[in-house]
Protein backbone atom coordinates (compact mmCIF):
# COMPACT_ATOMS: atom_id res chain seq x y z
CA MET A 1 77.76 187.16 152.76
CA ASN A 2 81.33 188.20 153.49
CA ARG A 3 82.43 191.68 154.53
CA ASN A 4 83.87 192.59 151.13
CA GLN A 5 80.55 191.83 149.45
CA ALA A 6 78.70 193.73 152.19
CA LEU A 7 80.89 196.77 151.41
CA GLN A 8 79.98 196.51 147.71
CA ASP A 9 76.30 196.21 148.61
CA GLN A 10 76.54 199.35 150.74
CA ALA A 11 78.19 201.17 147.83
CA HIS A 12 75.29 200.27 145.58
CA ALA A 13 72.76 201.35 148.23
CA LEU A 14 74.54 204.73 148.42
CA GLY A 15 74.66 205.07 144.64
CA LEU A 16 78.46 204.70 144.55
CA ASP A 17 80.65 202.77 142.15
CA PRO A 18 82.67 200.40 144.35
CA MET A 19 85.30 200.04 141.63
CA ALA A 20 85.94 203.78 141.19
CA PRO A 21 89.28 204.96 142.56
CA LEU A 22 89.13 206.95 145.79
CA GLN A 23 90.40 210.47 145.36
CA ILE A 24 92.82 211.50 148.10
CA GLY A 25 93.97 215.09 148.44
CA GLY A 26 96.99 216.43 150.26
CA ARG A 27 100.31 215.15 151.53
CA TYR A 28 99.28 212.55 154.07
CA LEU A 29 98.76 208.82 154.28
CA PRO A 30 95.13 207.82 153.83
CA VAL A 31 95.83 204.89 156.18
CA ALA A 32 98.73 204.71 158.64
CA ARG A 33 99.65 201.42 160.30
CA ASP A 34 101.59 200.51 163.41
CA GLY A 35 101.47 196.80 164.09
CA ARG A 36 97.85 195.71 164.37
CA CYS A 37 96.51 199.27 164.61
CA LEU A 38 95.43 201.13 161.46
CA CYS A 39 94.31 204.75 161.51
CA VAL A 40 92.24 206.03 158.60
CA SER A 41 92.73 209.74 157.95
CA GLY A 42 89.65 211.94 157.99
CA GLN A 43 87.27 211.16 155.14
CA ILE A 44 84.82 213.66 153.74
CA PRO A 45 81.80 212.68 151.58
CA ARG A 46 83.73 212.83 148.32
CA VAL A 47 82.61 210.88 145.27
CA GLY A 48 85.21 211.14 142.55
CA THR A 49 86.35 214.75 142.79
CA THR A 50 83.03 216.09 144.11
CA VAL A 51 82.12 216.60 147.75
CA VAL A 52 78.49 215.47 147.55
CA VAL A 53 77.13 217.02 150.77
CA THR A 54 78.31 220.49 151.74
CA GLY A 55 77.26 223.14 154.20
CA ALA A 56 76.21 223.28 157.82
CA ALA A 57 73.80 220.72 159.24
CA GLY A 58 70.70 222.44 160.53
CA ARG A 59 71.12 225.39 158.18
CA ASP A 60 72.12 224.30 154.66
CA VAL A 61 71.68 220.55 155.10
CA ASP A 62 68.91 218.61 156.83
CA LEU A 63 69.45 215.60 159.10
CA ALA A 64 68.84 213.04 156.33
CA GLN A 65 71.42 214.69 154.06
CA ALA A 66 73.96 214.85 156.89
CA GLN A 67 73.36 211.16 157.61
CA HIS A 68 73.97 210.37 153.93
CA ALA A 69 77.25 212.28 154.16
CA ALA A 70 78.24 210.23 157.22
CA ARG A 71 77.47 206.98 155.39
CA VAL A 72 79.61 208.02 152.42
CA CYS A 73 82.46 208.92 154.78
CA ALA A 74 82.21 205.57 156.58
CA TRP A 75 82.08 203.72 153.28
CA ARG A 76 85.22 205.52 152.10
CA ALA A 77 87.05 204.64 155.32
CA LEU A 78 86.17 200.96 154.95
CA ALA A 79 87.09 201.00 151.25
CA LEU A 80 90.51 202.39 152.15
CA LEU A 81 90.95 199.65 154.75
CA LYS A 82 90.02 197.01 152.18
CA GLU A 83 92.52 198.53 149.76
CA THR A 84 95.22 198.50 152.45
CA LEU A 85 94.51 195.07 153.94
CA GLY A 86 93.28 193.30 150.82
CA ASP A 87 90.35 191.84 152.75
CA LEU A 88 88.00 193.32 155.34
CA ASP A 89 87.92 189.95 157.12
CA ARG A 90 91.35 190.88 158.49
CA ILE A 91 89.72 193.52 160.71
CA ASP A 92 89.40 192.16 164.24
CA SER A 93 87.70 195.20 165.72
CA VAL A 94 86.94 198.85 165.20
CA LEU A 95 88.56 200.65 168.11
CA ARG A 96 87.39 204.21 167.63
CA MET A 97 85.46 206.44 165.29
CA GLY A 98 85.55 210.22 165.35
CA VAL A 99 82.80 212.14 163.55
CA TYR A 100 82.96 215.89 162.94
CA VAL A 101 79.77 217.60 161.82
CA GLN A 102 79.79 221.11 160.37
CA SER A 103 76.85 222.57 162.27
CA ALA A 104 74.61 225.55 162.58
CA ALA A 105 74.79 227.09 166.05
CA ASP A 106 71.50 225.51 167.14
CA PHE A 107 72.02 222.05 165.58
CA THR A 108 72.12 219.36 168.29
CA GLN A 109 71.65 216.09 166.37
CA HIS A 110 75.35 215.27 165.97
CA SER A 111 74.88 211.81 167.47
CA GLU A 112 72.08 211.01 165.02
CA VAL A 113 74.39 211.95 162.14
CA ALA A 114 77.14 209.71 163.52
CA ASP A 115 74.64 206.87 164.08
CA ALA A 116 74.30 206.55 160.30
CA ALA A 117 78.05 205.91 160.00
CA SER A 118 78.00 203.50 162.94
CA ASP A 119 75.12 201.59 161.36
CA LEU A 120 76.98 201.24 158.04
CA ILE A 121 80.13 199.99 159.75
CA HIS A 122 78.13 197.44 161.73
CA ALA A 123 76.27 196.35 158.57
CA VAL A 124 79.60 195.60 156.87
CA LEU A 125 81.67 194.25 159.77
CA GLY A 126 79.03 192.75 162.06
CA PRO A 127 80.02 192.51 165.74
CA ALA A 128 83.61 193.56 164.91
CA GLY A 129 82.13 196.91 163.90
CA GLY A 130 81.29 197.91 167.50
CA HIS A 131 83.39 200.93 168.49
CA ALA A 132 84.04 203.79 170.85
CA ARG A 133 82.93 207.06 169.31
CA THR A 134 83.28 210.79 169.65
CA THR A 135 80.99 213.15 167.77
CA VAL A 136 81.73 216.87 167.64
CA GLY A 137 80.00 219.84 166.06
CA VAL A 138 82.41 222.20 164.33
CA TYR A 139 82.23 225.56 162.58
CA GLN A 140 83.78 224.45 159.29
CA LEU A 141 85.36 221.42 157.56
CA PRO A 142 87.65 221.01 154.53
CA LYS A 143 85.98 221.74 151.16
CA ASN A 144 82.88 222.88 153.08
CA ALA A 145 82.04 219.20 153.74
CA THR A 146 79.16 218.58 156.12
CA VAL A 147 80.87 215.58 157.76
CA GLU A 148 84.40 214.31 158.27
CA LEU A 149 85.06 210.88 159.78
CA GLU A 150 88.19 209.18 161.09
CA LEU A 151 88.51 205.52 162.02
CA MET A 152 90.93 203.36 164.00
CA VAL A 153 90.87 199.56 163.71
CA ALA A 154 92.82 196.53 164.90
CA ALA A 155 93.65 194.02 162.17
CA ASN A 156 95.42 190.70 161.88
CA ASP A 157 97.98 189.58 159.33
CA GLY A 158 95.70 186.92 157.82
CA MET A 159 97.67 184.06 159.38
CA THR A 160 96.26 181.57 161.87
CA ALA A 161 98.08 180.26 164.93
CA ASN A 162 99.42 177.31 162.88
CA GLY A 163 100.92 179.65 160.29
CA MET A 164 98.36 178.92 157.58
CA ASP A 165 97.37 181.88 155.44
CA HIS A 166 93.61 182.37 155.60
CA SER A 167 93.44 185.90 154.20
CA GLY A 168 91.62 184.66 151.10
CA ASP A 169 89.05 182.47 152.91
């Protein structure tokens, strides 16, 4: 199975429509690129126009719900990369992931929340999905989202050393 199909499979597992347009709010680029490096702006667990998991982990939201939010965020980030690159096989490596968890004062399972996002990225990208990661508990996030995730990847231009285009392989 290729990465693009794996992303669709993950969408179905999350109950998402992989063909639905991703709603982006604000005056920013959802993905910024400089050479091989692409930075995905922070993604919250938005499905259509609805943020599907809101509130503080450990108070309003349990661990399983926060992990679902992290998976939706990771899926959105990969979907934006597919939209930008045309093919997830162009991703050479995930360089960094930042996960922000809106947390109750005594919530300490931030890493377990982020693990759900890391697992989804690895399920889609395989070994290229390994990454450095920072997970932080915060007081509040946009739209009262439980999780926000940012991603940085290195990608190729789809060309091989002999100049042949293999972006559609």
